[in-house]
Protein backbone atom coordinates (compact mmCIF):
# COMPACT_ATOMS: atom_id res chain seq x y z
CA UNK A 1 9.70 16.22 -17.61
CA UNK A 2 6.31 14.87 -16.58
CA UNK A 3 5.81 12.19 -19.25
CA UNK A 4 8.65 9.93 -18.21
CA UNK A 5 8.78 6.44 -16.70
CA UNK A 6 10.58 5.93 -13.38
CA UNK A 7 11.56 2.32 -14.18
CA UNK A 8 12.49 2.25 -17.86
CA UNK A 9 13.28 5.93 -18.33
CA UNK A 10 10.95 6.10 -21.34
CA UNK A 11 10.34 9.71 -22.33
CA UNK A 12 8.69 11.53 -25.22
CA UNK A 13 10.10 11.11 -28.69
CA UNK A 14 9.83 13.82 -31.31
CA UNK A 15 9.08 13.64 -34.98
CA UNK A 16 6.84 14.95 -37.70
CA UNK A 17 3.13 14.65 -38.34
CA UNK A 18 2.75 14.24 -42.10
CA UNK A 19 -0.55 15.38 -43.60
CA UNK A 20 -2.26 14.08 -46.71
CA UNK A 21 -0.62 16.88 -48.71
CA UNK A 22 2.72 15.78 -47.17
CA UNK A 23 3.26 18.95 -45.13
CA UNK A 24 5.32 18.24 -42.03
CA UNK A 25 4.58 19.71 -38.61
CA UNK A 26 6.25 18.90 -35.30
CA UNK A 27 4.66 16.39 -32.98
CA UNK A 28 5.44 14.50 -29.79
CA UNK A 29 5.19 10.75 -29.19
CA UNK A 30 4.38 10.39 -25.48
CA UNK A 31 4.85 7.09 -23.61
CA UNK A 32 1.75 5.59 -22.00
CA UNK A 33 2.43 6.79 -18.43
CA UNK A 34 0.20 5.53 -15.61
CA UNK A 35 0.34 6.31 -11.90
CA UNK A 36 0.20 3.05 -9.93
CA UNK A 37 0.32 2.35 -6.20
CA UNK A 38 2.17 -0.73 -4.92
CA UNK A 39 2.59 -2.18 -1.44
CA UNK A 40 6.28 -2.39 -0.51
CA UNK A 41 6.49 -5.10 2.18
CA UNK A 42 10.13 -4.47 3.13
CA UNK A 43 9.33 -0.89 4.17
CA UNK A 44 5.75 -1.54 5.33
CA UNK A 45 4.30 1.22 3.16
CA UNK A 46 2.73 1.98 -0.19
CA UNK A 47 4.73 3.61 -2.98
CA UNK A 48 3.18 5.49 -5.89
CA UNK A 49 5.12 5.04 -9.12
CA UNK A 50 4.74 6.74 -12.50
CA UNK A 51 5.26 3.87 -14.93
CA UNK A 52 4.76 3.19 -18.61
CA UNK A 53 2.37 0.38 -19.54
CA UNK A 54 5.37 -1.78 -20.50
CA UNK A 55 7.01 -1.10 -17.10
CA UNK A 56 3.83 -2.18 -15.27
CA UNK A 57 4.15 -5.56 -17.01
CA UNK A 58 7.81 -5.68 -15.96
CA UNK A 59 6.88 -5.04 -12.32
CA UNK A 60 4.32 -7.86 -12.54
CA UNK A 61 7.05 -10.18 -13.84
CA UNK A 62 9.99 -9.31 -11.54
CA UNK A 63 8.14 -8.12 -8.45
CA UNK A 64 7.84 -4.73 -6.80
CA UNK A 65 10.95 -5.14 -4.59
CA UNK A 66 13.25 -5.76 -7.58
CA UNK A 67 11.58 -2.96 -9.53
CA UNK A 68 12.08 -0.45 -6.72
CA UNK A 69 15.72 -1.57 -6.44
CA UNK A 70 16.17 -0.87 -10.18
CA UNK A 71 14.49 2.52 -9.85
CA UNK A 72 16.78 3.47 -6.95
CA UNK A 73 19.82 2.22 -8.92
CA UNK A 74 18.88 4.74 -11.63
CA UNK A 75 19.08 7.46 -8.96
CA UNK A 76 15.34 8.16 -8.72
CA UNK A 77 13.93 8.79 -5.25
CA UNK A 78 11.02 6.49 -4.28
């Protein structure tokens, strides 16, 4: 699935769009996924991560090394 965050695992949610006349049709709530490149000093290379906006703030708070460790702990290849 393309709209999914590597760090938090956020993925689309599904629900209904409700019109003025109250007819319900299916819709998708996509997370705000951004592609961001970080320098990984321990490996001496850049990594490109697909993160949600909330996960980008998390990386800023905990650091890229800890974030990559969490991503790898989830079983995602970086």
